[in-house]
Amino acid sequence: MFANQCRNSLRRVVFGLCYAAVTLAGSGIADAAAAATLQTQPMDPSMRTLRGELVMIRPREIILKGNEGPDRVIKIATATMVTRDGKAATIKDLKDGDQVEVLLGEKDVARSIKVTAEKK
């Protein structure tokens, strides 16, 4: 009889712990903790952002007239993401004169190119 009572008590405790875990995960507490962890990770120091006007577009590079300093040749990789008007685009959608924001990774290879204003 005592063994049955212990088993039933143990089942209730296990059920309660499982219920609590599922409730916490569903309430967003786990998501908030994960987001806080992501926000505290340092940004990759090799990445930086350039802004300027596109003056030339080639198959594997673009030339950017910087807002400050000389023109920059920026390499484009197959993984470079391009957006125009907040939507996915391709390198072929870029036009001379577009104002862009370029996120550079290692070795000055563009990780992303965002068109911020179209040529007038």
PDB file of N, CA and C in Angstrom:
ATOM      1  N   MET A   1       0.824  -1.199   0.000  1.00  0.00           N
ATOM      2  CA  MET A   1       0.000   0.000   0.000  1.00  0.00           C
ATOM      3  C   MET A   1       0.864   1.258   0.000  1.00  0.00           C
ATOM      4  N   PHE A   2       1.899   1.231   0.822  1.00  0.00           N
ATOM      5  CA  PHE A   2       2.793   2.385   0.892  1.00  0.00           C
ATOM      6  C   PHE A   2       3.480   2.615  -0.452  1.00  0.00           C
ATOM      7  N   ALA A   3       3.863   1.540  -1.140  1.00  0.00           N
ATOM      8  CA  ALA A   3       4.525   1.656  -2.443  1.00  0.00           C
ATOM      9  C   ALA A   3       3.591   2.297  -3.470  1.00  0.00           C
ATOM     10  N   ASN A   4       2.308   1.939  -3.431  1.00  0.00           N
ATOM     11  CA  ASN A   4       1.347   2.539  -4.361  1.00  0.00           C
ATOM     12  C   ASN A   4       1.203   4.037  -4.118  1.00  0.00           C
ATOM     13  N   GLN A   5       1.183   4.445  -2.842  1.00  0.00           N
ATOM     14  CA  GLN A   5       1.069   5.867  -2.524  1.00  0.00           C
ATOM     15  C   GLN A   5       2.294   6.634  -3.020  1.00  0.00           C
ATOM     16  N   CYS A   6       3.483   6.026  -2.870  1.00  0.00           N
ATOM     17  CA  CYS A   6       4.711   6.681  -3.345  1.00  0.00           C
ATOM     18  C   CYS A   6       4.692   6.832  -4.862  1.00  0.00           C
ATOM     19  N   ARG A   7       4.272   5.773  -5.571  1.00  0.00           N
ATOM     20  CA  ARG A   7       4.202   5.853  -7.027  1.00  0.00           C
ATOM     21  C   ARG A   7       3.228   6.934  -7.471  1.00  0.00           C
ATOM     22  N   ASN A   8       2.067   7.007  -6.826  1.00  0.00           N
ATOM     23  CA  ASN A   8       1.076   8.026  -7.189  1.00  0.00           C
ATOM     24  C   ASN A   8       1.605   9.433  -6.910  1.00  0.00           C
ATOM     25  N   SER A   9       2.289   9.614  -5.798  1.00  0.00           N
ATOM     26  CA  SER A   9       2.862  10.919  -5.469  1.00  0.00           C
ATOM     27  C   SER A   9       3.934  11.300  -6.485  1.00  0.00           C
ATOM     28  N   LEU A  10       4.762  10.332  -6.836  1.00  0.00           N
ATOM     29  CA  LEU A  10       5.809  10.575  -7.817  1.00  0.00           C
ATOM     30  C   LEU A  10       5.203  10.944  -9.176  1.00  0.00           C
ATOM     31  N   ARG A  11       4.153  10.275  -9.589  1.00  0.00           N
ATOM     32  CA  ARG A  11       3.477  10.584 -10.851  1.00  0.00           C
ATOM     33  C   ARG A  11       2.938  12.013 -10.849  1.00  0.00           C
ATOM     34  N   ARG A  12       2.348  12.427  -9.716  1.00  0.00           N
ATOM     35  CA  ARG A  12       1.822  13.792  -9.622  1.00  0.00           C
ATOM     36  C   ARG A  12       2.939  14.824  -9.729  1.00  0.00           C
ATOM     37  N   VAL A  13       4.068  14.553  -9.100  1.00  0.00           N
ATOM     38  CA  VAL A  13       5.195  15.489  -9.147  1.00  0.00           C
ATOM     39  C   VAL A  13       5.732  15.590 -10.579  1.00  0.00           C
ATOM     40  N   VAL A  14       5.920  14.452 -11.235  1.00  0.00           N
ATOM     41  CA  VAL A  14       6.423  14.452 -12.605  1.00  0.00           C
ATOM     42  C   VAL A  14       5.446  15.165 -13.528  1.00  0.00           C
ATOM     43  N   PHE A  15       4.154  14.882 -13.391  1.00  0.00           N
ATOM     44  CA  PHE A  15       3.149  15.547 -14.206  1.00  0.00           C
ATOM     45  C   PHE A  15       3.195  17.059 -13.979  1.00  0.00           C
ATOM     46  N   GLY A  16       3.314  17.468 -12.725  1.00  0.00           N
ATOM     47  CA  GLY A  16       3.366  18.902 -12.408  1.00  0.00           C
ATOM     48  C   GLY A  16       4.574  19.581 -13.027  1.00  0.00           C
ATOM     49  N   LEU A  17       5.727  18.929 -12.991  1.00  0.00           N
ATOM     50  CA  LEU A  17       6.931  19.498 -13.588  1.00  0.00           C
ATOM     51  C   LEU A  17       6.804  19.605 -15.104  1.00  0.00           C
ATOM     52  N   CYS A  18       6.245  18.574 -15.726  1.00  0.00           N
ATOM     53  CA  CYS A  18       6.039  18.610 -17.177  1.00  0.00           C
ATOM     54  C   CYS A  18       5.072  19.718 -17.556  1.00  0.00           C
ATOM     55  N   TYR A  19       3.997  19.857 -16.809  1.00  0.00           N
ATOM     56  CA  TYR A  19       3.016  20.901 -17.072  1.00  0.00           C
ATOM     57  C   TYR A  19       3.657  22.287 -16.950  1.00  0.00           C
ATOM     58  N   ALA A  20       4.470  22.468 -15.912  1.00  0.00           N
ATOM     59  CA  ALA A  20       5.130  23.764 -15.712  1.00  0.00           C
ATOM     60  C   ALA A  20       6.079  24.072 -16.864  1.00  0.00           C
ATOM     61  N   ALA A  21       6.826  23.079 -17.327  1.00  0.00           N
ATOM     62  CA  ALA A  21       7.766  23.298 -18.428  1.00  0.00           C
ATOM     63  C   ALA A  21       7.034  23.692 -19.708  1.00  0.00           C
ATOM     64  N   VAL A  22       5.941  23.009 -20.001  1.00  0.00           N
ATOM     65  CA  VAL A  22       5.166  23.313 -21.206  1.00  0.00           C
ATOM     66  C   VAL A  22       4.538  24.697 -21.096  1.00  0.00           C
ATOM     67  N   THR A  23       4.039  25.038 -19.939  1.00  0.00           N
ATOM     68  CA  THR A  23       3.407  26.344 -19.729  1.00  0.00           C
ATOM     69  C   THR A  23       4.416  27.461 -19.905  1.00  0.00           C
ATOM     70  N   LEU A  24       5.614  27.319 -19.327  1.00  0.00           N
ATOM     71  CA  LEU A  24       6.637  28.357 -19.462  1.00  0.00           C
ATOM     72  C   LEU A  24       7.091  28.504 -20.905  1.00  0.00           C
ATOM     73  N   ALA A  25       7.266  27.396 -21.587  1.00  0.00           N
ATOM     74  CA  ALA A  25       7.706  27.458 -22.984  1.00  0.00           C
ATOM     75  C   ALA A  25       6.645  28.128 -23.849  1.00  0.00           C
ATOM     76  N   GLY A  26       5.392  27.854 -23.612  1.00  0.00           N
ATOM     77  CA  GLY A  26       4.309  28.433 -24.395  1.00  0.00           C
ATOM     78  C   GLY A  26       4.040  29.883 -24.079  1.00  0.00           C
ATOM     79  N   SER A  27       4.458  30.345 -22.902  1.00  0.00           N
ATOM     80  CA  SER A  27       4.146  31.712 -22.509  1.00  0.00           C
ATOM     81  C   SER A  27       5.101  32.740 -23.090  1.00  0.00           C
ATOM     82  N   GLY A  28       6.136  32.273 -23.748  1.00  0.00           N
ATOM     83  CA  GLY A  28       7.074  33.221 -24.339  1.00  0.00           C
ATOM     84  C   GLY A  28       8.263  33.513 -23.459  1.00  0.00           C
ATOM     85  N   ILE A  29       8.281  32.994 -22.240  1.00  0.00           N
ATOM     86  CA  ILE A  29       9.417  33.239 -21.360  1.00  0.00           C
ATOM     87  C   ILE A  29      10.675  32.643 -21.969  1.00  0.00           C
ATOM     88  N   ALA A  30      10.562  31.455 -22.532  1.00  0.00           N
ATOM     89  CA  ALA A  30      11.721  30.826 -23.162  1.00  0.00           C
ATOM     90  C   ALA A  30      12.167  31.657 -24.362  1.00  0.00           C
ATOM     91  N   ASP A  31      11.224  32.195 -25.136  1.00  0.00           N
ATOM     92  CA  ASP A  31      11.579  33.024 -26.286  1.00  0.00           C
ATOM     93  C   ASP A  31      12.283  34.299 -25.842  1.00  0.00           C
ATOM     94  N   ALA A  32      11.801  34.912 -24.771  1.00  0.00           N
ATOM     95  CA  ALA A  32      12.414  36.131 -24.260  1.00  0.00           C
ATOM     96  C   ALA A  32      13.837  35.861 -23.790  1.00  0.00           C
ATOM     97  N   ALA A  33      14.039  34.728 -23.144  1.00  0.00           N
ATOM     98  CA  ALA A  33      15.382  34.378 -22.686  1.00  0.00           C
ATOM     99  C   ALA A  33      16.314  34.162 -23.866  1.00  0.00           C
ATOM    100  N   ALA A  34      15.830  33.512 -24.916  1.00  0.00           N
ATOM    101  CA  ALA A  34      16.647  33.286 -26.109  1.00  0.00           C
ATOM    102  C   ALA A  34      16.976  34.613 -26.789  1.00  0.00           C
ATOM    103  N   ALA A  35      16.007  35.520 -26.871  1.00  0.00           N
ATOM    104  CA  ALA A  35      16.241  36.823 -27.497  1.00  0.00           C
ATOM    105  C   ALA A  35      17.270  37.620 -26.703  1.00  0.00           C
ATOM    106  N   ALA A  36      17.187  37.564 -25.382  1.00  0.00           N
ATOM    107  CA  ALA A  36      18.154  38.273 -24.552  1.00  0.00           C
ATOM    108  C   ALA A  36      19.552  37.719 -24.779  1.00  0.00           C
ATOM    109  N   THR A  37      19.662  36.427 -24.941  1.00  0.00           N
ATOM    110  CA  THR A  37      20.962  35.813 -25.203  1.00  0.00           C
ATOM    111  C   THR A  37      21.511  36.287 -26.536  1.00  0.00           C
ATOM    112  N   LEU A  38      20.659  36.354 -27.570  1.00  0.00           N
ATOM    113  CA  LEU A  38      21.109  36.802 -28.882  1.00  0.00           C
ATOM    114  C   LEU A  38      21.545  38.263 -28.851  1.00  0.00           C
ATOM    115  N   GLN A  39      20.843  39.086 -28.102  1.00  0.00           N
ATOM    116  CA  GLN A  39      21.163  40.501 -28.061  1.00  0.00           C
ATOM    117  C   GLN A  39      22.473  40.780 -27.341  1.00  0.00           C
ATOM    118  N   THR A  40      22.880  39.902 -26.440  1.00  0.00           N
ATOM    119  CA  THR A  40      24.104  40.139 -25.701  1.00  0.00           C
ATOM    120  C   THR A  40      25.336  39.640 -26.429  1.00  0.00           C
ATOM    121  N   GLN A  41      25.140  38.896 -27.531  1.00  0.00           N
ATOM    122  CA  GLN A  41      26.288  38.436 -28.290  1.00  0.00           C
ATOM    123  C   GLN A  41      26.865  39.610 -29.075  1.00  0.00           C
ATOM    124  N   PRO A  42      28.185  39.782 -29.075  1.00  0.00           N
ATOM    125  CA  PRO A  42      28.784  40.922 -29.772  1.00  0.00           C
ATOM    126  C   PRO A  42      28.648  40.783 -31.282  1.00  0.00           C
ATOM    127  N   MET A  43      28.511  41.926 -31.965  1.00  0.00           N
ATOM    128  CA  MET A  43      28.427  41.931 -33.423  1.00  0.00           C
ATOM    129  C   MET A  43      29.790  41.573 -33.988  1.00  0.00           C
ATOM    130  N   ASP A  44      29.792  40.910 -35.110  1.00  0.00           N
ATOM    131  CA  ASP A  44      31.025  40.504 -35.763  1.00  0.00           C
ATOM    132  C   ASP A  44      31.837  41.757 -36.095  1.00  0.00           C
ATOM    133  N   PRO A  45      33.043  41.901 -35.540  1.00  0.00           N
ATOM    134  CA  PRO A  45      33.823  43.122 -35.766  1.00  0.00           C
ATOM    135  C   PRO A  45      34.296  43.289 -37.199  1.00  0.00           C
ATOM    136  N   SER A  46      34.269  42.211 -38.002  1.00  0.00           N
ATOM    137  CA  SER A  46      34.715  42.318 -39.389  1.00  0.00           C
ATOM    138  C   SER A  46      33.642  42.925 -40.287  1.00  0.00           C
ATOM    139  N   MET A  47      32.423  43.093 -39.777  1.00  0.00           N
ATOM    140  CA  MET A  47      31.328  43.634 -40.589  1.00  0.00           C
ATOM    141  C   MET A  47      31.202  45.137 -40.371  1.00  0.00           C
ATOM    142  N   ARG A  48      30.905  45.859 -41.462  1.00  0.00           N
ATOM    143  CA  ARG A  48      30.646  47.300 -41.370  1.00  0.00           C
ATOM    144  C   ARG A  48      29.704  47.699 -42.499  1.00  0.00           C
ATOM    145  N   THR A  49      29.123  48.870 -42.378  1.00  0.00           N
ATOM    146  CA  THR A  49      28.131  49.330 -43.346  1.00  0.00           C
ATOM    147  C   THR A  49      28.664  50.533 -44.121  1.00  0.00           C
ATOM    148  N   LEU A  50      28.448  50.515 -45.421  1.00  0.00           N
ATOM    149  CA  LEU A  50      28.774  51.649 -46.286  1.00  0.00           C
ATOM    150  C   LEU A  50      27.497  52.124 -46.958  1.00  0.00           C
ATOM    151  N   ARG A  51      27.406  53.435 -47.159  1.00  0.00           N
ATOM    152  CA  ARG A  51      26.259  54.018 -47.861  1.00  0.00           C
ATOM    153  C   ARG A  51      26.785  54.891 -48.983  1.00  0.00           C
ATOM    154  N   GLY A  52      26.052  54.897 -50.085  1.00  0.00           N
ATOM    155  CA  GLY A  52      26.460  55.745 -51.190  1.00  0.00           C
ATOM    156  C   GLY A  52      25.648  55.466 -52.437  1.00  0.00           C
ATOM    157  N   GLU A  53      26.152  56.001 -53.558  1.00  0.00           N
ATOM    158  CA  GLU A  53      25.472  55.871 -54.846  1.00  0.00           C
ATOM    159  C   GLU A  53      26.205  54.857 -55.720  1.00  0.00           C
ATOM    160  N   LEU A  54      25.432  53.966 -56.347  1.00  0.00           N
ATOM    161  CA  LEU A  54      26.022  53.010 -57.277  1.00  0.00           C
ATOM    162  C   LEU A  54      26.438  53.753 -58.539  1.00  0.00           C
ATOM    163  N   VAL A  55      27.708  53.615 -58.921  1.00  0.00           N
ATOM    164  CA  VAL A  55      28.153  54.260 -60.156  1.00  0.00           C
ATOM    165  C   VAL A  55      28.457  53.250 -61.243  1.00  0.00           C
ATOM    166  N   MET A  56      28.664  51.972 -60.856  1.00  0.00           N
ATOM    167  CA  MET A  56      28.887  50.937 -61.857  1.00  0.00           C
ATOM    168  C   MET A  56      28.539  49.578 -61.252  1.00  0.00           C
ATOM    169  N   ILE A  57      27.939  48.731 -62.088  1.00  0.00           N
ATOM    170  CA  ILE A  57      27.564  47.388 -61.654  1.00  0.00           C
ATOM    171  C   ILE A  57      28.196  46.403 -62.622  1.00  0.00           C
ATOM    172  N   ARG A  58      28.978  45.496 -62.070  1.00  0.00           N
ATOM    173  CA  ARG A  58      29.604  44.440 -62.859  1.00  0.00           C
ATOM    174  C   ARG A  58      29.102  43.103 -62.323  1.00  0.00           C
ATOM    175  N   PRO A  59      29.316  42.011 -63.060  1.00  0.00           N
ATOM    176  CA  PRO A  59      28.787  40.712 -62.609  1.00  0.00           C
ATOM    177  C   PRO A  59      29.242  40.296 -61.203  1.00  0.00           C
ATOM    178  N   ARG A  60      30.480  40.626 -60.822  1.00  0.00           N
ATOM    179  CA  ARG A  60      30.973  40.158 -59.521  1.00  0.00           C
ATOM    180  C   ARG A  60      31.390  41.275 -58.588  1.00  0.00           C
ATOM    181  N   GLU A  61      31.075  42.522 -58.961  1.00  0.00           N
ATOM    182  CA  GLU A  61      31.422  43.647 -58.096  1.00  0.00           C
ATOM    183  C   GLU A  61      30.585  44.868 -58.458  1.00  0.00           C
ATOM    184  N   ILE A  62      30.515  45.764 -57.496  1.00  0.00           N
ATOM    185  CA  ILE A  62      29.870  47.056 -57.734  1.00  0.00           C
ATOM    186  C   ILE A  62      30.859  48.143 -57.343  1.00  0.00           C
ATOM    187  N   ILE A  63      30.663  49.316 -57.924  1.00  0.00           N
ATOM    188  CA  ILE A  63      31.480  50.459 -57.537  1.00  0.00           C
ATOM    189  C   ILE A  63      30.540  51.463 -56.894  1.00  0.00           C
ATOM    190  N   LEU A  64      30.899  51.854 -55.695  1.00  0.00           N
ATOM    191  CA  LEU A  64      30.064  52.715 -54.869  1.00  0.00           C
ATOM    192  C   LEU A  64      30.753  54.055 -54.687  1.00  0.00           C
ATOM    193  N   LYS A  65      30.037  55.121 -55.056  1.00  0.00           N
ATOM    194  CA  LYS A  65      30.536  56.471 -54.781  1.00  0.00           C
ATOM    195  C   LYS A  65      30.123  56.770 -53.346  1.00  0.00           C
ATOM    196  N   GLY A  66      31.090  56.753 -52.478  1.00  0.00           N
ATOM    197  CA  GLY A  66      30.802  56.920 -51.060  1.00  0.00           C
ATOM    198  C   GLY A  66      30.377  58.325 -50.709  1.00  0.00           C
ATOM    199  N   ASN A  67      29.628  58.440 -49.626  1.00  0.00           N
ATOM    200  CA  ASN A  67      29.223  59.751 -49.150  1.00  0.00           C
ATOM    201  C   ASN A  67      30.426  60.525 -48.624  1.00  0.00           C
ATOM    202  N   GLU A  68      31.434  59.792 -48.207  1.00  0.00           N
ATOM    203  CA  GLU A  68      32.686  60.423 -47.816  1.00  0.00           C
ATOM    204  C   GLU A  68      33.827  59.548 -48.327  1.00  0.00           C
ATOM    205  N   GLY A  69      34.843  60.160 -48.877  1.00  0.00           N
ATOM    206  CA  GLY A  69      35.976  59.395 -49.375  1.00  0.00           C
ATOM    207  C   GLY A  69      35.838  58.996 -50.822  1.00  0.00           C
ATOM    208  N   PRO A  70      36.841  58.244 -51.318  1.00  0.00           N
ATOM    209  CA  PRO A  70      36.873  57.858 -52.734  1.00  0.00           C
ATOM    210  C   PRO A  70      35.880  56.748 -53.055  1.00  0.00           C
ATOM    211  N   ASP A  71      35.727  56.490 -54.360  1.00  0.00           N
ATOM    212  CA  ASP A  71      34.873  55.384 -54.810  1.00  0.00           C
ATOM    213  C   ASP A  71      35.430  54.071 -54.271  1.00  0.00           C
ATOM    214  N   ARG A  72      34.532  53.125 -54.000  1.00  0.00           N
ATOM    215  CA  ARG A  72      34.928  51.820 -53.452  1.00  0.00           C
ATOM    216  C   ARG A  72      34.482  50.713 -54.381  1.00  0.00           C
ATOM    217  N   VAL A  73      35.366  49.764 -54.621  1.00  0.00           N
ATOM    218  CA  VAL A  73      35.023  48.555 -55.361  1.00  0.00           C
ATOM    219  C   VAL A  73      34.638  47.521 -54.318  1.00  0.00           C
ATOM    220  N   ILE A  74      33.423  46.976 -54.447  1.00  0.00           N
ATOM    221  CA  ILE A  74      32.907  46.010 -53.476  1.00  0.00           C
ATOM    222  C   ILE A  74      32.612  44.709 -54.201  1.00  0.00           C
ATOM    223  N   LYS A  75      33.188  43.634 -53.698  1.00  0.00           N
ATOM    224  CA  LYS A  75      32.983  42.317 -54.299  1.00  0.00           C
ATOM    225  C   LYS A  75      31.599  41.789 -53.937  1.00  0.00           C
ATOM    226  N   ILE A  76      31.022  41.028 -54.859  1.00  0.00           N
ATOM    227  CA  ILE A  76      29.710  40.426 -54.647  1.00  0.00           C
ATOM    228  C   ILE A  76      29.871  38.910 -54.688  1.00  0.00           C
ATOM    229  N   ALA A  77      29.318  38.239 -53.704  1.00  0.00           N
ATOM    230  CA  ALA A  77      29.345  36.770 -53.656  1.00  0.00           C
ATOM    231  C   ALA A  77      27.994  36.224 -54.098  1.00  0.00           C
ATOM    232  N   THR A  78      27.943  34.942 -54.364  1.00  0.00           N
ATOM    233  CA  THR A  78      26.665  34.329 -54.736  1.00  0.00           C
ATOM    234  C   THR A  78      25.678  34.383 -53.577  1.00  0.00           C
ATOM    235  N   ALA A  79      26.186  34.471 -52.349  1.00  0.00           N
ATOM    236  CA  ALA A  79      25.313  34.518 -51.173  1.00  0.00           C
ATOM    237  C   ALA A  79      24.890  35.940 -50.796  1.00  0.00           C
ATOM    238  N   THR A  80      25.356  36.952 -51.533  1.00  0.00           N
ATOM    239  CA  THR A  80      24.985  38.334 -51.229  1.00  0.00           C
ATOM    240  C   THR A  80      23.481  38.519 -51.408  1.00  0.00           C
ATOM    241  N   MET A  81      22.826  39.032 -50.369  1.00  0.00           N
ATOM    242  CA  MET A  81      21.372  39.268 -50.414  1.00  0.00           C
ATOM    243  C   MET A  81      21.115  40.700 -50.881  1.00  0.00           C
ATOM    244  N   VAL A  82      20.169  40.854 -51.797  1.00  0.00           N
ATOM    245  CA  VAL A  82      19.812  42.168 -52.333  1.00  0.00           C
ATOM    246  C   VAL A  82      18.340  42.413 -52.042  1.00  0.00           C
ATOM    247  N   THR A  83      18.019  43.627 -51.561  1.00  0.00           N
ATOM    248  CA  THR A  83      16.621  43.999 -51.349  1.00  0.00           C
ATOM    249  C   THR A  83      16.350  45.348 -52.005  1.00  0.00           C
ATOM    250  N   ARG A  84      15.148  45.474 -52.532  1.00  0.00           N
ATOM    251  CA  ARG A  84      14.662  46.728 -53.123  1.00  0.00           C
ATOM    252  C   ARG A  84      13.225  46.890 -52.657  1.00  0.00           C
ATOM    253  N   ASP A  85      12.909  48.032 -52.100  1.00  0.00           N
ATOM    254  CA  ASP A  85      11.567  48.288 -51.563  1.00  0.00           C
ATOM    255  C   ASP A  85      11.171  47.242 -50.522  1.00  0.00           C
ATOM    256  N   GLY A  86      12.153  46.749 -49.763  1.00  0.00           N
ATOM    257  CA  GLY A  86      11.873  45.770 -48.712  1.00  0.00           C
ATOM    258  C   GLY A  86      11.612  44.362 -49.217  1.00  0.00           C
ATOM    259  N   LYS A  87      11.768  44.156 -50.529  1.00  0.00           N
ATOM    260  CA  LYS A  87      11.513  42.833 -51.104  1.00  0.00           C
ATOM    261  C   LYS A  87      12.804  42.263 -51.671  1.00  0.00           C
ATOM    262  N   ALA A  88      12.891  40.936 -51.707  1.00  0.00           N
ATOM    263  CA  ALA A  88      14.064  40.275 -52.265  1.00  0.00           C
ATOM    264  C   ALA A  88      14.249  40.682 -53.719  1.00  0.00           C
ATOM    265  N   ALA A  89      15.503  40.894 -54.090  1.00  0.00           N
ATOM    266  CA  ALA A  89      15.838  41.274 -55.460  1.00  0.00           C
ATOM    267  C   ALA A  89      17.127  40.550 -55.845  1.00  0.00           C
ATOM    268  N   THR A  90      17.631  40.841 -57.025  1.00  0.00           N
ATOM    269  CA  THR A  90      18.885  40.253 -57.478  1.00  0.00           C
ATOM    270  C   THR A  90      19.834  41.373 -57.886  1.00  0.00           C
ATOM    271  N   ILE A  91      21.077  41.006 -58.153  1.00  0.00           N
ATOM    272  CA  ILE A  91      22.064  41.980 -58.613  1.00  0.00           C
ATOM    273  C   ILE A  91      21.588  42.638 -59.906  1.00  0.00           C
ATOM    274  N   LYS A  92      20.893  41.894 -60.748  1.00  0.00           N
ATOM    275  CA  LYS A  92      20.396  42.429 -62.029  1.00  0.00           C
ATOM    276  C   LYS A  92      19.366  43.536 -61.826  1.00  0.00           C
ATOM    277  N   ASP A  93      18.758  43.602 -60.626  1.00  0.00           N
ATOM    278  CA  ASP A  93      17.765  44.640 -60.343  1.00  0.00           C
ATOM    279  C   ASP A  93      18.404  45.962 -59.926  1.00  0.00           C
ATOM    280  N   LEU A  94      19.709  45.958 -59.676  1.00  0.00           N
ATOM    281  CA  LEU A  94      20.392  47.197 -59.288  1.00  0.00           C
ATOM    282  C   LEU A  94      20.593  48.077 -60.510  1.00  0.00           C
ATOM    283  N   LYS A  95      20.560  49.410 -60.300  1.00  0.00           N
ATOM    284  CA  LYS A  95      20.716  50.357 -61.396  1.00  0.00           C
ATOM    285  C   LYS A  95      21.738  51.421 -60.997  1.00  0.00           C
ATOM    286  N   ASP A  96      22.503  51.879 -61.988  1.00  0.00           N
ATOM    287  CA  ASP A  96      23.409  53.001 -61.730  1.00  0.00           C
ATOM    288  C   ASP A  96      22.604  54.157 -61.160  1.00  0.00           C
ATOM    289  N   GLY A  97      23.137  54.803 -60.142  1.00  0.00           N
ATOM    290  CA  GLY A  97      22.466  55.937 -59.521  1.00  0.00           C
ATOM    291  C   GLY A  97      21.644  55.579 -58.299  1.00  0.00           C
ATOM    292  N   ASP A  98      21.357  54.285 -58.083  1.00  0.00           N
ATOM    293  CA  ASP A  98      20.625  53.876 -56.881  1.00  0.00           C
ATOM    294  C   ASP A  98      21.428  54.234 -55.630  1.00  0.00           C
ATOM    295  N   GLN A  99      20.733  54.708 -54.617  1.00  0.00           N
ATOM    296  CA  GLN A  99      21.347  54.918 -53.307  1.00  0.00           C
ATOM    297  C   GLN A  99      21.237  53.591 -52.553  1.00  0.00           C
ATOM    298  N   VAL A 100      22.365  53.107 -52.041  1.00  0.00           N
ATOM    299  CA  VAL A 100      22.370  51.799 -51.398  1.00  0.00           C
ATOM    300  C   VAL A 100      23.059  51.845 -50.040  1.00  0.00           C
ATOM    301  N   GLU A 101      22.744  50.819 -49.279  1.00  0.00           N
ATOM    302  CA  GLU A 101      23.408  50.559 -48.003  1.00  0.00           C
ATOM    303  C   GLU A 101      23.979  49.153 -48.122  1.00  0.00           C
ATOM    304  N   VAL A 102      25.296  49.026 -47.969  1.00  0.00           N
ATOM    305  CA  VAL A 102      25.977  47.753 -48.165  1.00  0.00           C
ATOM    306  C   VAL A 102      26.565  47.291 -46.839  1.00  0.00           C
ATOM    307  N   LEU A 103      26.223  46.069 -46.450  1.00  0.00           N
ATOM    308  CA  LEU A 103      26.811  45.459 -45.260  1.00  0.00           C
ATOM    309  C   LEU A 103      27.983  44.618 -45.732  1.00  0.00           C
ATOM    310  N   LEU A 104      29.177  45.023 -45.322  1.00  0.00           N
ATOM    311  CA  LEU A 104      30.387  44.329 -45.749  1.00  0.00           C
ATOM    312  C   LEU A 104      30.808  43.298 -44.715  1.00  0.00           C
ATOM    313  N   GLY A 105      31.264  42.161 -45.206  1.00  0.00           N
ATOM    314  CA  GLY A 105      31.820  41.125 -44.345  1.00  0.00           C
ATOM    315  C   GLY A 105      33.325  41.094 -44.512  1.00  0.00           C
ATOM    316  N   GLU A 106      33.884  39.915 -44.306  1.00  0.00           N
ATOM    317  CA  GLU A 106      35.323  39.750 -44.423  1.00  0.00           C
ATOM    318  C   GLU A 106      35.788  40.038 -45.846  1.00  0.00           C
ATOM    319  N   LYS A 107      36.992  40.582 -45.955  1.00  0.00           N
ATOM    320  CA  LYS A 107      37.642  40.870 -47.236  1.00  0.00           C
ATOM    321  C   LYS A 107      36.799  41.779 -48.120  1.00  0.00           C
ATOM    322  N   ASP A 108      36.010  42.661 -47.510  1.00  0.00           N
ATOM    323  CA  ASP A 108      35.166  43.624 -48.240  1.00  0.00           C
ATOM    324  C   ASP A 108      34.224  42.970 -49.240  1.00  0.00           C
ATOM    325  N   VAL A 109      33.701  41.797 -48.894  1.00  0.00           N
ATOM    326  CA  VAL A 109      32.690  41.129 -49.715  1.00  0.00           C
ATOM    327  C   VAL A 109      31.327  41.515 -49.169  1.00  0.00           C
ATOM    328  N   ALA A 110      30.422  41.941 -50.046  1.00  0.00           N
ATOM    329  CA  ALA A 110      29.088  42.377 -49.615  1.00  0.00           C
ATOM    330  C   ALA A 110      28.292  41.182 -49.097  1.00  0.00           C
ATOM    331  N   ARG A 111      27.771  41.322 -47.883  1.00  0.00           N
ATOM    332  CA  ARG A 111      26.851  40.313 -47.350  1.00  0.00           C
ATOM    333  C   ARG A 111      25.434  40.648 -47.756  1.00  0.00           C
ATOM    334  N   SER A 112      25.116  41.967 -47.797  1.00  0.00           N
ATOM    335  CA  SER A 112      23.782  42.389 -48.244  1.00  0.00           C
ATOM    336  C   SER A 112      23.892  43.771 -48.874  1.00  0.00           C
ATOM    337  N   ILE A 113      22.991  44.012 -49.825  1.00  0.00           N
ATOM    338  CA  ILE A 113      22.882  45.305 -50.480  1.00  0.00           C
ATOM    339  C   ILE A 113      21.401  45.698 -50.414  1.00  0.00           C
ATOM    340  N   LYS A 114      21.146  46.852 -49.806  1.00  0.00           N
ATOM    341  CA  LYS A 114      19.770  47.325 -49.684  1.00  0.00           C
ATOM    342  C   LYS A 114      19.635  48.634 -50.433  1.00  0.00           C
ATOM    343  N   VAL A 115      18.735  48.659 -51.416  1.00  0.00           N
ATOM    344  CA  VAL A 115      18.485  49.902 -52.151  1.00  0.00           C
ATOM    345  C   VAL A 115      17.631  50.789 -51.254  1.00  0.00           C
ATOM    346  N   THR A 116      18.178  51.964 -50.892  1.00  0.00           N
ATOM    347  CA  THR A 116      17.456  52.872 -49.990  1.00  0.00           C
ATOM    348  C   THR A 116      16.710  53.962 -50.748  1.00  0.00           C
ATOM    349  N   ALA A 117      17.156  54.268 -51.972  1.00  0.00           N
ATOM    350  CA  ALA A 117      16.450  55.238 -52.810  1.00  0.00           C
ATOM    351  C   ALA A 117      16.817  54.961 -54.264  1.00  0.00           C
ATOM    352  N   GLU A 118      15.815  55.036 -55.119  1.00  0.00           N
ATOM    353  CA  GLU A 118      16.048  54.779 -56.532  1.00  0.00           C
ATOM    354  C   GLU A 118      16.581  56.029 -57.214  1.00  0.00           C
ATOM    355  N   LYS A 119      17.214  55.816 -58.344  1.00  0.00           N
ATOM    356  CA  LYS A 119      17.714  56.909 -59.165  1.00  0.00           C
ATOM    357  C   LYS A 119      16.542  57.787 -59.591  1.00  0.00           C
ATOM    358  N   LYS A 120      16.744  59.079 -59.507  1.00  0.00           N
ATOM    359  CA  LYS A 120      15.670  60.017 -59.872  1.00  0.00           C
ATOM    360  C   LYS A 120      15.631  60.273 -61.333  1.00  0.00           C
TER     361      LYS A 120
END
